[in-house]
Amino acid sequence: MVAHYFRKGWGRCDLFDTPECSTRRWHQGLTALREICLGAELAETVKWGHPCYMHARWKSRSIGAFREDFHLSFFNVAPR
């Protein structure tokens, strides 16, 4: 669930669900990226523990946070 990611983190880190979690540190930027993706009418889902946004069921974008930055990644996956 995407809301879970924004509240607690991605769950594969010792800082999960703590104030030091990178998703909390970068919450404002991550939320802005999410709004951009949703504004572009991309379908929101969770893959690999991160929010992902898809168009035409195969072009995918993923947002994530690290200790020092946050990002929006673009990659192509094969259609199902």
C-alpha atoms as a PDB file:
ATOM      1  CA  MET A   1       0.000   0.000   0.000  1.00  0.00           C
ATOM      2  CA  VAL A   2       1.422   3.350  -1.058  1.00  0.00           C
ATOM      3  CA  ALA A   3       0.170   5.191   2.028  1.00  0.00           C
ATOM      4  CA  HIS A   4       2.140   2.726   4.169  1.00  0.00           C
ATOM      5  CA  TYR A   5       5.350   3.727   2.359  1.00  0.00           C
ATOM      6  CA  PHE A   6       4.772   7.413   3.051  1.00  0.00           C
ATOM      7  CA  ARG A   7       3.913   6.786   6.725  1.00  0.00           C
ATOM      8  CA  LYS A   8       6.494   4.182   7.708  1.00  0.00           C
ATOM      9  CA  GLY A   9       9.049   3.660   4.934  1.00  0.00           C
ATOM     10  CA  TRP A  10       9.758   0.748   2.666  1.00  0.00           C
ATOM     11  CA  GLY A  11      10.340  -1.844   5.391  1.00  0.00           C
ATOM     12  CA  ARG A  12      13.790  -3.155   4.438  1.00  0.00           C
ATOM     13  CA  CYS A  13      15.828  -0.866   6.632  1.00  0.00           C
ATOM     14  CA  ASP A  14      16.760  -0.721  10.311  1.00  0.00           C
ATOM     15  CA  LEU A  15      15.278   2.805  10.376  1.00  0.00           C
ATOM     16  CA  PHE A  16      11.836   1.589   9.240  1.00  0.00           C
ATOM     17  CA  ASP A  17       9.021   3.395  11.058  1.00  0.00           C
ATOM     18  CA  THR A  18      11.378   5.688  12.993  1.00  0.00           C
ATOM     19  CA  PRO A  19      11.801   9.468  12.786  1.00  0.00           C
ATOM     20  CA  GLU A  20      15.192   8.868  11.100  1.00  0.00           C
ATOM     21  CA  CYS A  21      13.643   6.966   8.164  1.00  0.00           C
ATOM     22  CA  SER A  22      14.608   8.553   4.846  1.00  0.00           C
ATOM     23  CA  THR A  23      10.975   8.601   3.723  1.00  0.00           C
ATOM     24  CA  ARG A  24      10.244  10.935   6.611  1.00  0.00           C
ATOM     25  CA  ARG A  25      13.329  13.059   5.953  1.00  0.00           C
ATOM     26  CA  TRP A  26      12.369  13.536   2.304  1.00  0.00           C
ATOM     27  CA  HIS A  27       8.581  13.431   2.782  1.00  0.00           C
ATOM     28  CA  GLN A  28       7.922  16.816   1.164  1.00  0.00           C
ATOM     29  CA  GLY A  29       9.934  16.001  -1.969  1.00  0.00           C
ATOM     30  CA  LEU A  30       8.528  12.479  -2.260  1.00  0.00           C
ATOM     31  CA  THR A  31       5.005  13.835  -1.933  1.00  0.00           C
ATOM     32  CA  ALA A  32       5.712  16.385  -4.672  1.00  0.00           C
ATOM     33  CA  LEU A  33       6.960  13.627  -7.005  1.00  0.00           C
ATOM     34  CA  ARG A  34       3.859  11.580  -6.222  1.00  0.00           C
ATOM     35  CA  GLU A  35       1.607  14.526  -7.063  1.00  0.00           C
ATOM     36  CA  ILE A  36       3.408  15.021 -10.388  1.00  0.00           C
ATOM     37  CA  CYS A  37       2.931  11.354 -11.299  1.00  0.00           C
ATOM     38  CA  LEU A  38      -0.717  11.325 -10.268  1.00  0.00           C
ATOM     39  CA  GLY A  39      -1.288  14.624 -12.084  1.00  0.00           C
ATOM     40  CA  ALA A  40       0.012  12.944 -15.238  1.00  0.00           C
ATOM     41  CA  GLU A  41      -2.711  10.319 -14.715  1.00  0.00           C
ATOM     42  CA  LEU A  42      -0.258   7.486 -14.145  1.00  0.00           C
ATOM     43  CA  ALA A  43      -1.587   4.381 -12.413  1.00  0.00           C
ATOM     44  CA  GLU A  44      -0.196   4.089  -8.876  1.00  0.00           C
ATOM     45  CA  THR A  45       0.916   0.745  -7.494  1.00  0.00           C
ATOM     46  CA  VAL A  46       3.632  -0.723  -5.272  1.00  0.00           C
ATOM     47  CA  LYS A  47       6.520  -2.754  -6.675  1.00  0.00           C
ATOM     48  CA  TRP A  48       9.636  -3.783  -4.806  1.00  0.00           C
ATOM     49  CA  GLY A  49       8.297  -1.972  -1.730  1.00  0.00           C
ATOM     50  CA  HIS A  50       8.268   1.424  -3.463  1.00  0.00           C
ATOM     51  CA  PRO A  51       5.506   3.488  -5.046  1.00  0.00           C
ATOM     52  CA  CYS A  52       5.496   2.918  -8.811  1.00  0.00           C
ATOM     53  CA  TYR A  53       3.590   4.722 -11.526  1.00  0.00           C
ATOM     54  CA  MET A  54       2.681   3.093 -14.805  1.00  0.00           C
ATOM     55  CA  HIS A  55       1.376   4.219 -18.153  1.00  0.00           C
ATOM     56  CA  ALA A  56       0.080   1.872 -20.829  1.00  0.00           C
ATOM     57  CA  ARG A  57       0.913  -1.025 -18.480  1.00  0.00           C
ATOM     58  CA  TRP A  58       4.590  -1.027 -19.357  1.00  0.00           C
ATOM     59  CA  LYS A  59       6.363   2.279 -18.883  1.00  0.00           C
ATOM     60  CA  SER A  60       7.160   2.558 -15.228  1.00  0.00           C
ATOM     61  CA  ARG A  61       8.457   5.156 -12.800  1.00  0.00           C
ATOM     62  CA  SER A  62       9.468   4.549  -9.223  1.00  0.00           C
ATOM     63  CA  ILE A  63      10.078   6.976  -6.378  1.00  0.00           C
ATOM     64  CA  GLY A  64      12.360   6.288  -3.466  1.00  0.00           C
ATOM     65  CA  ALA A  65      14.481   7.832  -0.763  1.00  0.00           C
ATOM     66  CA  PHE A  66      18.036   7.341   0.408  1.00  0.00           C
ATOM     67  CA  ARG A  67      19.876   8.924   3.312  1.00  0.00           C
ATOM     68  CA  GLU A  68      21.241  11.778   1.224  1.00  0.00           C
ATOM     69  CA  ASP A  69      18.598  12.223  -1.486  1.00  0.00           C
ATOM     70  CA  PHE A  70      15.348  11.098  -3.049  1.00  0.00           C
ATOM     71  CA  HIS A  71      14.652  10.190  -6.652  1.00  0.00           C
ATOM     72  CA  LEU A  72      12.265   9.440  -9.464  1.00  0.00           C
ATOM     73  CA  SER A  73      13.551   6.577 -11.603  1.00  0.00           C
ATOM     74  CA  PHE A  74      12.370   5.848 -15.137  1.00  0.00           C
ATOM     75  CA  PHE A  75      12.552   2.388 -16.655  1.00  0.00           C
ATOM     76  CA  ASN A  76      10.705   0.251 -19.170  1.00  0.00           C
ATOM     77  CA  VAL A  77       9.247  -3.125 -18.390  1.00  0.00           C
ATOM     78  CA  ALA A  78       7.658  -5.571 -20.785  1.00  0.00           C
ATOM     79  CA  PRO A  79       3.861  -5.474 -21.078  1.00  0.00           C
ATOM     80  CA  ARG A  80       2.005  -8.266 -19.307  1.00  0.00           C
END
